């Protein structure tokens, strides 16, 4: 078990139904795992503290092949260890997105997928755009 932060493990970010269905491993190289740790420390842990409930990862790291099979864009921050799709049972996706926006000082992109009930959040070391993308669903 590799811990990225107090409440998040690497396995939460590498779990992938797409990878499993195709018999693929989905393990990040060390630099990507380091970025996932930064995402946890800078965004996910402060969000969890504010929400007061666990944050679940529905999609974290994706290897380039897994990303292609999942229909992700070629420039996906998921492949770089800079993004996660998250949810919590404590609130709906729109409220979670609003909490991140108001609580976390630095983040790169946010969008809400109402239909699937998750928030996409990303964090880049040094150059965060604070870009809110259109809500899906």
Foldseek 3Di string as FASTA:
>chain_A
DAALDDQDHVCQAFDDPLCVVVVHGQDADPQLSPLLSVCCVQFVVQLCVVLVFDKHFPHAAGDQVSCVSVVHDNVDCSPSNFKTKIATPSDFAVVSQVSRLPGGPFWAEWEAARVVGTIMTGGDPPDHDSYYDYYHD
